[in-house]
C-alpha atoms as a PDB file:
ATOM      1  CA  MET A   1      11.896 -22.151   2.836  1.00  0.00           C
ATOM      2  CA  CYS A   2      11.331 -18.776   4.523  1.00  0.00           C
ATOM      3  CA  SER A   3       8.114 -18.215   6.398  1.00  0.00           C
ATOM      4  CA  ASP A   4       5.907 -15.132   6.071  1.00  0.00           C
ATOM      5  CA  LYS A   5       7.185 -13.625   9.316  1.00  0.00           C
ATOM      6  CA  HIS A   6      10.817 -13.740   8.095  1.00  0.00           C
ATOM      7  CA  LEU A   7      10.087 -11.400   5.187  1.00  0.00           C
ATOM      8  CA  GLY A   8       8.609  -8.436   7.072  1.00  0.00           C
ATOM      9  CA  THR A   9       6.768  -5.806   5.050  1.00  0.00           C
ATOM     10  CA  ARG A  10       7.150  -6.707   1.392  1.00  0.00           C
ATOM     11  CA  GLU A  11       5.679  -6.662  -2.097  1.00  0.00           C
ATOM     12  CA  TYR A  12       5.372  -9.549  -4.521  1.00  0.00           C
ATOM     13  CA  LYS A  13       6.500  -8.975  -8.106  1.00  0.00           C
ATOM     14  CA  PHE A  14       6.704 -11.094 -11.247  1.00  0.00           C
ATOM     15  CA  CYS A  15      10.025 -12.791 -11.894  1.00  0.00           C
ATOM     16  CA  LEU A  16      11.104 -12.308 -15.519  1.00  0.00           C
ATOM     17  CA  LEU A  17      14.367 -13.847 -16.709  1.00  0.00           C
ATOM     18  CA  HIS A  18      14.798 -12.608 -20.269  1.00  0.00           C
ATOM     19  CA  SER A  19      17.387  -9.908 -21.032  1.00  0.00           C
ATOM     20  CA  PHE A  20      18.392  -7.448 -18.316  1.00  0.00           C
ATOM     21  CA  ALA A  21      18.714  -3.739 -19.159  1.00  0.00           C
ATOM     22  CA  PHE A  22      18.790  -0.374 -17.439  1.00  0.00           C
ATOM     23  CA  VAL A  23      18.799   3.334 -18.261  1.00  0.00           C
ATOM     24  CA  ILE A  24      21.655   5.685 -17.324  1.00  0.00           C
ATOM     25  CA  THR A  25      23.053   8.902 -18.765  1.00  0.00           C
ATOM     26  CA  PHE A  26      26.010   9.123 -21.122  1.00  0.00           C
ATOM     27  CA  LEU A  27      27.290  12.534 -22.277  1.00  0.00           C
ATOM     28  CA  ASP A  28      24.283  14.120 -20.547  1.00  0.00           C
ATOM     29  CA  GLN A  29      21.748  12.023 -22.472  1.00  0.00           C
ATOM     30  CA  PRO A  30      19.771   8.981 -21.257  1.00  0.00           C
ATOM     31  CA  TYR A  31      20.565   5.664 -22.949  1.00  0.00           C
ATOM     32  CA  LEU A  32      19.356   2.113 -22.621  1.00  0.00           C
ATOM     33  CA  TRP A  33      22.134  -0.307 -21.707  1.00  0.00           C
ATOM     34  CA  ALA A  34      22.028  -4.115 -21.872  1.00  0.00           C
ATOM     35  CA  ARG A  35      23.754  -6.456 -19.460  1.00  0.00           C
ATOM     36  CA  LEU A  36      26.721  -8.257 -20.947  1.00  0.00           C
ATOM     37  CA  ASP A  37      28.967 -10.314 -18.669  1.00  0.00           C
ATOM     38  CA  ARG A  38      32.561 -10.953 -19.636  1.00  0.00           C
ATOM     39  CA  LYS A  39      33.331 -14.646 -19.272  1.00  0.00           C
ATOM     40  CA  PRO A  40      36.632 -16.513 -18.945  1.00  0.00           C
ATOM     41  CA  ASN A  41      38.196 -18.335 -21.864  1.00  0.00           C
ATOM     42  CA  LYS A  42      38.062 -22.142 -21.911  1.00  0.00           C
ATOM     43  CA  GLN A  43      41.422 -22.692 -20.223  1.00  0.00           C
ATOM     44  CA  ALA A  44      40.700 -20.249 -17.387  1.00  0.00           C
ATOM     45  CA  GLU A  45      37.195 -21.628 -16.921  1.00  0.00           C
ATOM     46  CA  LYS A  46      38.611 -25.150 -16.622  1.00  0.00           C
ATOM     47  CA  ARG A  47      41.133 -23.998 -13.988  1.00  0.00           C
ATOM     48  CA  PHE A  48      38.374 -22.187 -12.085  1.00  0.00           C
ATOM     49  CA  LYS A  49      36.089 -25.238 -12.050  1.00  0.00           C
ATOM     50  CA  ASN A  50      38.919 -27.501 -10.901  1.00  0.00           C
ATOM     51  CA  PHE A  51      39.737 -25.025  -8.130  1.00  0.00           C
ATOM     52  CA  LEU A  52      36.115 -24.915  -6.966  1.00  0.00           C
ATOM     53  CA  HIS A  53      35.998 -28.699  -6.953  1.00  0.00           C
ATOM     54  CA  SER A  54      39.084 -28.928  -4.715  1.00  0.00           C
ATOM     55  CA  LYS A  55      38.836 -25.766  -2.590  1.00  0.00           C
ATOM     56  CA  GLY A  56      35.232 -24.618  -2.818  1.00  0.00           C
ATOM     57  CA  ASN A  57      35.822 -20.876  -2.193  1.00  0.00           C
ATOM     58  CA  PRO A  58      35.733 -18.784  -5.402  1.00  0.00           C
ATOM     59  CA  LYS A  59      37.061 -15.686  -3.581  1.00  0.00           C
ATOM     60  CA  GLU A  60      40.441 -17.381  -3.132  1.00  0.00           C
ATOM     61  CA  PHE A  61      40.936 -18.070  -6.840  1.00  0.00           C
ATOM     62  CA  PHE A  62      43.544 -15.916  -8.595  1.00  0.00           C
ATOM     63  CA  TRP A  63      42.407 -14.325 -11.856  1.00  0.00           C
ATOM     64  CA  ASN A  64      44.590 -12.659 -14.467  1.00  0.00           C
ATOM     65  CA  VAL A  65      41.852 -10.558 -16.049  1.00  0.00           C
ATOM     66  CA  GLU A  66      43.935  -9.485 -19.032  1.00  0.00           C
ATOM     67  CA  GLU A  67      44.789 -13.074 -20.012  1.00  0.00           C
ATOM     68  CA  ASP A  68      41.943 -15.177 -18.559  1.00  0.00           C
ATOM     69  CA  PHE A  69      38.955 -13.373 -20.066  1.00  0.00           C
ATOM     70  CA  LYS A  70      37.576 -13.065 -23.545  1.00  0.00           C
ATOM     71  CA  PRO A  71      38.034  -9.587 -25.068  1.00  0.00           C
ATOM     72  CA  ALA A  72      35.280  -7.100 -24.254  1.00  0.00           C
ATOM     73  CA  PRO A  73      33.491  -5.149 -26.995  1.00  0.00           C
ATOM     74  CA  GLU A  74      34.601  -1.528 -27.340  1.00  0.00           C
ATOM     75  CA  CYS A  75      31.160  -0.378 -26.155  1.00  0.00           C
ATOM     76  CA  TRP A  76      31.315  -2.445 -22.936  1.00  0.00           C
ATOM     77  CA  ILE A  77      31.774  -1.045 -19.400  1.00  0.00           C
ATOM     78  CA  PRO A  78      31.921  -2.953 -16.071  1.00  0.00           C
ATOM     79  CA  ALA A  79      28.973  -2.677 -13.680  1.00  0.00           C
ATOM     80  CA  LYS A  80      29.166   0.131 -11.095  1.00  0.00           C
ATOM     81  CA  GLU A  81      29.227  -2.154  -8.061  1.00  0.00           C
ATOM     82  CA  ILE A  82      32.137  -4.281  -9.324  1.00  0.00           C
ATOM     83  CA  GLU A  83      35.276  -4.095  -7.189  1.00  0.00           C
ATOM     84  CA  GLN A  84      38.443  -3.103  -9.035  1.00  0.00           C
ATOM     85  CA  ILE A  85      42.069  -3.873  -8.243  1.00  0.00           C
ATOM     86  CA  ASN A  86      44.849  -2.041 -10.086  1.00  0.00           C
ATOM     87  CA  GLY A  87      42.333  -0.768 -12.604  1.00  0.00           C
ATOM     88  CA  ASN A  88      40.974  -4.223 -13.438  1.00  0.00           C
ATOM     89  CA  PRO A  89      37.461  -5.393 -12.486  1.00  0.00           C
ATOM     90  CA  VAL A  90      37.290  -8.331 -10.071  1.00  0.00           C
ATOM     91  CA  PRO A  91      35.222 -11.342 -11.260  1.00  0.00           C
ATOM     92  CA  ASP A  92      32.261 -12.424  -9.139  1.00  0.00           C
ATOM     93  CA  GLU A  93      31.767 -15.788  -7.419  1.00  0.00           C
ATOM     94  CA  ASN A  94      30.608 -17.294 -10.733  1.00  0.00           C
ATOM     95  CA  GLY A  95      33.768 -16.276 -12.542  1.00  0.00           C
ATOM     96  CA  HIS A  96      32.003 -13.570 -14.561  1.00  0.00           C
ATOM     97  CA  ILE A  97      32.548  -9.821 -14.768  1.00  0.00           C
ATOM     98  CA  PRO A  98      29.080  -8.214 -14.926  1.00  0.00           C
ATOM     99  CA  GLY A  99      28.897  -5.246 -17.250  1.00  0.00           C
ATOM    100  CA  THR A 100      26.762  -3.403 -19.765  1.00  0.00           C
ATOM    101  CA  MET A 101      26.753  -2.303 -23.383  1.00  0.00           C
ATOM    102  CA  MET A 102      24.927   0.757 -24.716  1.00  0.00           C
ATOM    103  CA  SER A 103      22.046  -0.013 -27.079  1.00  0.00           C
ATOM    104  CA  LEU A 104      22.992   2.799 -29.456  1.00  0.00           C
ATOM    105  CA  LEU A 105      26.433   1.260 -29.962  1.00  0.00           C
ATOM    106  CA  MET A 106      24.914  -2.218 -30.274  1.00  0.00           C
ATOM    107  CA  GLN A 107      23.761  -1.263 -33.743  1.00  0.00           C
ATOM    108  CA  PHE A 108      27.427  -1.353 -34.759  1.00  0.00           C
ATOM    109  CA  CYS A 109      28.057  -4.598 -32.873  1.00  0.00           C
ATOM    110  CA  LYS A 110      25.312  -6.683 -34.531  1.00  0.00           C
ATOM    111  CA  LYS A 111      27.719  -8.972 -36.343  1.00  0.00           C
ATOM    112  CA  ASN A 112      29.355 -10.211 -33.151  1.00  0.00           C
ATOM    113  CA  ASN A 113      26.547  -9.593 -30.634  1.00  0.00           C
ATOM    114  CA  LYS A 114      23.313 -10.176 -32.530  1.00  0.00           C
ATOM    115  CA  GLN A 115      21.462 -11.191 -29.380  1.00  0.00           C
ATOM    116  CA  TYR A 116      21.920  -7.663 -28.029  1.00  0.00           C
ATOM    117  CA  CYS A 117      20.860  -5.653 -31.081  1.00  0.00           C
ATOM    118  CA  TRP A 118      17.176  -6.051 -30.171  1.00  0.00           C
ATOM    119  CA  HIS A 119      17.584  -3.583 -27.317  1.00  0.00           C
ATOM    120  CA  SER A 120      18.085  -0.892 -29.955  1.00  0.00           C
ATOM    121  CA  SER A 121      14.707  -1.635 -31.523  1.00  0.00           C
ATOM    122  CA  VAL A 122      12.734  -0.427 -28.486  1.00  0.00           C
ATOM    123  CA  VAL A 123      14.375   2.991 -28.258  1.00  0.00           C
ATOM    124  CA  ASN A 124      14.175   6.150 -30.361  1.00  0.00           C
ATOM    125  CA  TYR A 125      17.060   8.391 -29.353  1.00  0.00           C
ATOM    126  CA  GLU A 126      15.953  11.306 -31.549  1.00  0.00           C
ATOM    127  CA  PHE A 127      12.821  11.665 -29.417  1.00  0.00           C
ATOM    128  CA  GLU A 128      14.440  10.080 -26.325  1.00  0.00           C
ATOM    129  CA  ILE A 129      11.596   7.613 -25.786  1.00  0.00           C
ATOM    130  CA  ALA A 130      11.228   3.866 -25.313  1.00  0.00           C
ATOM    131  CA  LEU A 131       8.309   1.532 -25.958  1.00  0.00           C
ATOM    132  CA  VAL A 132       7.418   0.060 -22.558  1.00  0.00           C
ATOM    133  CA  LEU A 133       5.005  -2.696 -21.517  1.00  0.00           C
ATOM    134  CA  LYS A 134       3.248  -2.470 -18.153  1.00  0.00           C
ATOM    135  CA  HIS A 135      -0.160  -2.738 -16.505  1.00  0.00           C
ATOM    136  CA  HIS A 136      -2.724  -0.157 -17.515  1.00  0.00           C
ATOM    137  CA  PRO A 137      -2.810   2.428 -14.690  1.00  0.00           C
ATOM    138  CA  ASP A 138      -6.621   2.343 -14.395  1.00  0.00           C
ATOM    139  CA  ASP A 139      -7.350  -1.314 -15.141  1.00  0.00           C
ATOM    140  CA  SER A 140      -5.124  -4.078 -13.733  1.00  0.00           C
ATOM    141  CA  GLY A 141      -6.690  -6.549 -16.161  1.00  0.00           C
ATOM    142  CA  LEU A 142      -5.228  -4.695 -19.138  1.00  0.00           C
ATOM    143  CA  LEU A 143      -1.653  -4.452 -20.391  1.00  0.00           C
ATOM    144  CA  GLU A 144      -0.471  -1.227 -21.976  1.00  0.00           C
ATOM    145  CA  ILE A 145       2.255  -0.411 -24.496  1.00  0.00           C
ATOM    146  CA  SER A 146       3.231   3.237 -24.260  1.00  0.00           C
ATOM    147  CA  ALA A 147       6.006   5.580 -25.336  1.00  0.00           C
ATOM    148  CA  VAL A 148       7.824   6.586 -22.149  1.00  0.00           C
ATOM    149  CA  PRO A 149      10.496   9.321 -21.981  1.00  0.00           C
ATOM    150  CA  LEU A 150      13.876   7.809 -21.221  1.00  0.00           C
ATOM    151  CA  SER A 151      14.307  10.485 -18.567  1.00  0.00           C
ATOM    152  CA  ASP A 152      11.423   8.868 -16.650  1.00  0.00           C
ATOM    153  CA  LEU A 153      13.319   5.555 -16.636  1.00  0.00           C
ATOM    154  CA  LEU A 154      16.667   6.886 -15.395  1.00  0.00           C
ATOM    155  CA  GLU A 155      18.454   4.540 -12.978  1.00  0.00           C
ATOM    156  CA  GLN A 156      15.699   1.954 -13.423  1.00  0.00           C
ATOM    157  CA  THR A 157      16.324  -1.662 -14.339  1.00  0.00           C
ATOM    158  CA  LEU A 158      14.191  -3.400 -16.936  1.00  0.00           C
ATOM    159  CA  GLU A 159      13.730  -6.800 -18.536  1.00  0.00           C
ATOM    160  CA  LEU A 160      13.540  -7.033 -22.332  1.00  0.00           C
ATOM    161  CA  ILE A 161      11.080  -9.611 -23.669  1.00  0.00           C
ATOM    162  CA  GLY A 162      10.222 -10.492 -27.235  1.00  0.00           C
ATOM    163  CA  THR A 163      10.576 -12.598 -30.333  1.00  0.00           C
ATOM    164  CA  ASN A 164      14.332 -13.171 -30.193  1.00  0.00           C
ATOM    165  CA  ILE A 165      14.834 -13.174 -26.416  1.00  0.00           C
ATOM    166  CA  ASN A 166      15.264 -16.365 -24.380  1.00  0.00           C
ATOM    167  CA  GLY A 167      12.969 -18.549 -26.492  1.00  0.00           C
ATOM    168  CA  ASN A 168      10.131 -15.990 -26.478  1.00  0.00           C
ATOM    169  CA  PRO A 169       7.942 -17.680 -23.818  1.00  0.00           C
ATOM    170  CA  CYS A 170       5.441 -14.801 -24.031  1.00  0.00           C
ATOM    171  CA  GLY A 171       4.859 -15.422 -27.752  1.00  0.00           C
ATOM    172  CA  LEU A 172       5.500 -11.871 -28.978  1.00  0.00           C
ATOM    173  CA  GLY A 173       5.807 -11.156 -32.704  1.00  0.00           C
ATOM    174  CA  SER A 174       7.197 -13.517 -35.346  1.00  0.00           C
ATOM    175  CA  LYS A 175      10.409 -14.058 -37.315  1.00  0.00           C
ATOM    176  CA  LYS A 176       9.035 -11.914 -40.121  1.00  0.00           C
ATOM    177  CA  HIS A 177       7.728  -9.229 -37.764  1.00  0.00           C
ATOM    178  CA  PRO A 178       9.756  -9.391 -34.513  1.00  0.00           C
ATOM    179  CA  LEU A 179       8.507  -7.413 -31.540  1.00  0.00           C
ATOM    180  CA  HIS A 180      10.463  -6.579 -28.400  1.00  0.00           C
ATOM    181  CA  LEU A 181       9.399  -4.603 -25.334  1.00  0.00           C
ATOM    182  CA  PRO A 182      11.100  -3.635 -22.056  1.00  0.00           C
ATOM    183  CA  ILE A 183       9.274  -4.111 -18.740  1.00  0.00           C
ATOM    184  CA  PRO A 184      10.396  -2.079 -15.695  1.00  0.00           C
ATOM    185  CA  HIS A 185      11.322  -4.366 -12.810  1.00  0.00           C
ATOM    186  CA  GLY A 186       8.551  -4.366 -10.236  1.00  0.00           C
ATOM    187  CA  ALA A 187       5.919  -3.162 -12.724  1.00  0.00           C
ATOM    188  CA  PHE A 188       3.797  -6.292 -12.257  1.00  0.00           C
ATOM    189  CA  GLN A 189       2.737  -6.649  -8.656  1.00  0.00           C
ATOM    190  CA  ILE A 190       1.108  -9.895  -7.511  1.00  0.00           C
ATOM    191  CA  ARG A 191      -2.055  -9.740  -5.447  1.00  0.00           C
ATOM    192  CA  ASN A 192      -3.621 -12.429  -3.263  1.00  0.00           C
ATOM    193  CA  LEU A 193      -0.503 -14.571  -3.102  1.00  0.00           C
ATOM    194  CA  PRO A 194      -0.893 -17.672  -0.892  1.00  0.00           C
ATOM    195  CA  SER A 195       1.170 -18.303   2.231  1.00  0.00           C
ATOM    196  CA  LEU A 196       4.790 -19.332   1.869  1.00  0.00           C
ATOM    197  CA  LYS A 197       4.198 -23.041   2.178  1.00  0.00           C
ATOM    198  CA  HIS A 198       5.484 -25.358  -0.494  1.00  0.00           C
ATOM    199  CA  ASN A 199       2.117 -26.959  -1.267  1.00  0.00           C
ATOM    200  CA  HIS A 200       0.292 -23.596  -1.280  1.00  0.00           C
ATOM    201  CA  LEU A 201       2.797 -22.063  -3.691  1.00  0.00           C
ATOM    202  CA  LEU A 202       2.667 -25.177  -5.860  1.00  0.00           C
ATOM    203  CA  SER A 203      -1.136 -25.022  -6.025  1.00  0.00           C
ATOM    204  CA  TRP A 204      -1.041 -21.310  -6.843  1.00  0.00           C
ATOM    205  CA  PHE A 205       1.404 -21.764  -9.731  1.00  0.00           C
ATOM    206  CA  GLU A 206      -0.500 -24.750 -11.118  1.00  0.00           C
ATOM    207  CA  GLY A 207      -4.127 -23.769 -10.564  1.00  0.00           C
ATOM    208  CA  CYS A 208      -4.379 -19.982 -10.521  1.00  0.00           C
ATOM    209  CA  LYS A 209      -4.558 -17.796 -13.645  1.00  0.00           C
ATOM    210  CA  ASP A 210      -2.237 -15.257 -12.022  1.00  0.00           C
ATOM    211  CA  GLY A 211       0.193 -18.118 -11.313  1.00  0.00           C
ATOM    212  CA  LYS A 212       0.961 -18.704 -14.985  1.00  0.00           C
ATOM    213  CA  ILE A 213       4.213 -16.767 -14.658  1.00  0.00           C
ATOM    214  CA  GLU A 214       7.918 -17.580 -14.538  1.00  0.00           C
ATOM    215  CA  GLY A 215       8.391 -16.879 -10.845  1.00  0.00           C
ATOM    216  CA  ILE A 216       8.018 -14.481  -7.925  1.00  0.00           C
ATOM    217  CA  VAL A 217      10.371 -11.891  -6.429  1.00  0.00           C
ATOM    218  CA  TRP A 218       9.749 -10.771  -2.842  1.00  0.00           C
ATOM    219  CA  HIS A 219      10.807  -7.156  -2.183  1.00  0.00           C
ATOM    220  CA  CYS A 220      11.518  -7.220   1.545  1.00  0.00           C
ATOM    221  CA  SER A 221      11.427  -4.270   3.947  1.00  0.00           C
ATOM    222  CA  ASP A 222      15.191  -4.511   4.549  1.00  0.00           C
ATOM    223  CA  GLY A 223      15.948  -4.186   0.816  1.00  0.00           C
ATOM    224  CA  CYS A 224      16.581  -7.878   0.234  1.00  0.00           C
ATOM    225  CA  LEU A 225      15.166  -9.605  -2.836  1.00  0.00           C
ATOM    226  CA  ILE A 226      14.100 -13.261  -2.652  1.00  0.00           C
ATOM    227  CA  LYS A 227      13.286 -15.141  -5.834  1.00  0.00           C
ATOM    228  CA  VAL A 228      11.330 -18.335  -6.427  1.00  0.00           C
ATOM    229  CA  HIS A 229      11.355 -19.716  -9.963  1.00  0.00           C
ATOM    230  CA  ARG A 230       8.957 -22.388 -11.183  1.00  0.00           C
ATOM    231  CA  HIS A 231      11.972 -24.709 -11.563  1.00  0.00           C
ATOM    232  CA  HIS A 232      12.593 -24.435  -7.801  1.00  0.00           C
ATOM    233  CA  LEU A 233       9.231 -26.140  -7.280  1.00  0.00           C
ATOM    234  CA  GLY A 234       9.792 -28.781  -9.959  1.00  0.00           C
ATOM    235  CA  LEU A 235       7.432 -27.044 -12.402  1.00  0.00           C
ATOM    236  CA  CYS A 236       7.959 -26.578 -16.126  1.00  0.00           C
ATOM    237  CA  TRP A 237       8.825 -23.354 -17.921  1.00  0.00           C
ATOM    238  CA  PRO A 238       7.962 -22.164 -20.512  1.00  0.00           C
ATOM    239  CA  ILE A 239       4.268 -23.028 -20.446  1.00  0.00           C
ATOM    240  CA  PRO A 240       1.384 -22.385 -22.876  1.00  0.00           C
ATOM    241  CA  ASP A 241      -1.026 -19.524 -22.180  1.00  0.00           C
ATOM    242  CA  THR A 242       1.116 -17.509 -19.794  1.00  0.00           C
ATOM    243  CA  TYR A 243      -0.259 -14.603 -17.777  1.00  0.00           C
ATOM    244  CA  MET A 244       1.356 -12.146 -20.178  1.00  0.00           C
ATOM    245  CA  ASN A 245       0.015 -13.549 -23.442  1.00  0.00           C
ATOM    246  CA  SER A 246      -3.504 -14.109 -22.102  1.00  0.00           C
ATOM    247  CA  ARG A 247      -4.145 -10.438 -21.241  1.00  0.00           C
ATOM    248  CA  PRO A 248      -5.663  -7.856 -23.621  1.00  0.00           C
ATOM    249  CA  VAL A 249      -3.301  -5.082 -24.687  1.00  0.00           C
ATOM    250  CA  ILE A 250      -3.881  -1.451 -25.596  1.00  0.00           C
ATOM    251  CA  ILE A 251      -1.431   0.950 -27.242  1.00  0.00           C
ATOM    252  CA  ASN A 252      -1.325   4.377 -25.661  1.00  0.00           C
ATOM    253  CA  MET A 253       0.750   6.854 -27.662  1.00  0.00           C
ATOM    254  CA  ASN A 254       0.535   9.607 -30.223  1.00  0.00           C
ATOM    255  CA  LEU A 255       2.161   8.022 -33.260  1.00  0.00           C
ATOM    256  CA  ASN A 256       2.165  11.365 -35.085  1.00  0.00           C
ATOM    257  CA  LYS A 257       4.864  12.552 -32.675  1.00  0.00           C
ATOM    258  CA  CYS A 258       6.988   9.438 -33.036  1.00  0.00           C
ATOM    259  CA  ASP A 259       9.523   8.506 -35.632  1.00  0.00           C
ATOM    260  CA  SER A 260       8.498   6.039 -38.364  1.00  0.00           C
ATOM    261  CA  LYS A 261      10.626   3.461 -36.531  1.00  0.00           C
ATOM    262  CA  PHE A 262       7.667   2.848 -34.201  1.00  0.00           C
ATOM    263  CA  ALA A 263       4.918   3.543 -36.738  1.00  0.00           C
ATOM    264  CA  ARG A 264       4.526  -0.145 -37.599  1.00  0.00           C
ATOM    265  CA  LEU A 265       2.881  -0.674 -34.219  1.00  0.00           C
ATOM    266  CA  LYS A 266      -0.337   0.756 -35.657  1.00  0.00           C
ATOM    267  CA  ASP A 267      -0.466  -2.242 -38.029  1.00  0.00           C
ATOM    268  CA  ILE A 268      -0.186  -4.826 -35.249  1.00  0.00           C
ATOM    269  CA  ILE A 269      -3.475  -6.447 -34.295  1.00  0.00           C
ATOM    270  CA  PHE A 270      -4.003  -7.406 -30.665  1.00  0.00           C
ATOM    271  CA  ASP A 271      -6.847  -9.526 -29.308  1.00  0.00           C
ATOM    272  CA  VAL A 272      -8.758  -7.243 -26.954  1.00  0.00           C
END
């Protein structure tokens, strides 16, 4: 494990592994996009795994993207950083092609991509706003749900949490009344983290209220990100009474200016 001196100047942030999203412009308007990786079909995946078992270097494997991968939805685009050869995106070391799908178009893809339609529920494109969860700016002990202009989230990455995302470890909403919220990456900074020793980290995760989270991401001075998940320390996840669902929440928005799509929030009761 790295020591403190190896990380330089850094910040500690919550690690959330739910459903990745980010905001970019399309036709001069900001939109929320969800990550959707293209994956190989069963035959290609089998060949890839056999190759890794015998050779061990995924960069040397030959892919025929047009034949080896499952068809992409019409509303899918490859990620910006993906290398392309002859107009085709190059798969990463895991045999996936990272990409994204626009949340507006997901409404028309619900039948085949139901797990992605929930991104649409947190955005109102008429008013160009999104419902966002973060710490209250004046009280770190409070969480706040607010309507944030999409223009303020441009080029930012977020993590979508909620009822139908990744088992809902935060306990948001219900099947009858699902609730989903995006959290900007880095919005939850950790204070008073112990030293980077295995037993100190283990004690912090197990015995500290702030440690009832999924993991930690170190934002290093050189731009590197280092992640430690509870599973890396042999700890369970999900757990009861997480940091997120044990904090009081306030709603900060003018519902009179919002579409009725978000108006049901006024009927949700939070324990404060």
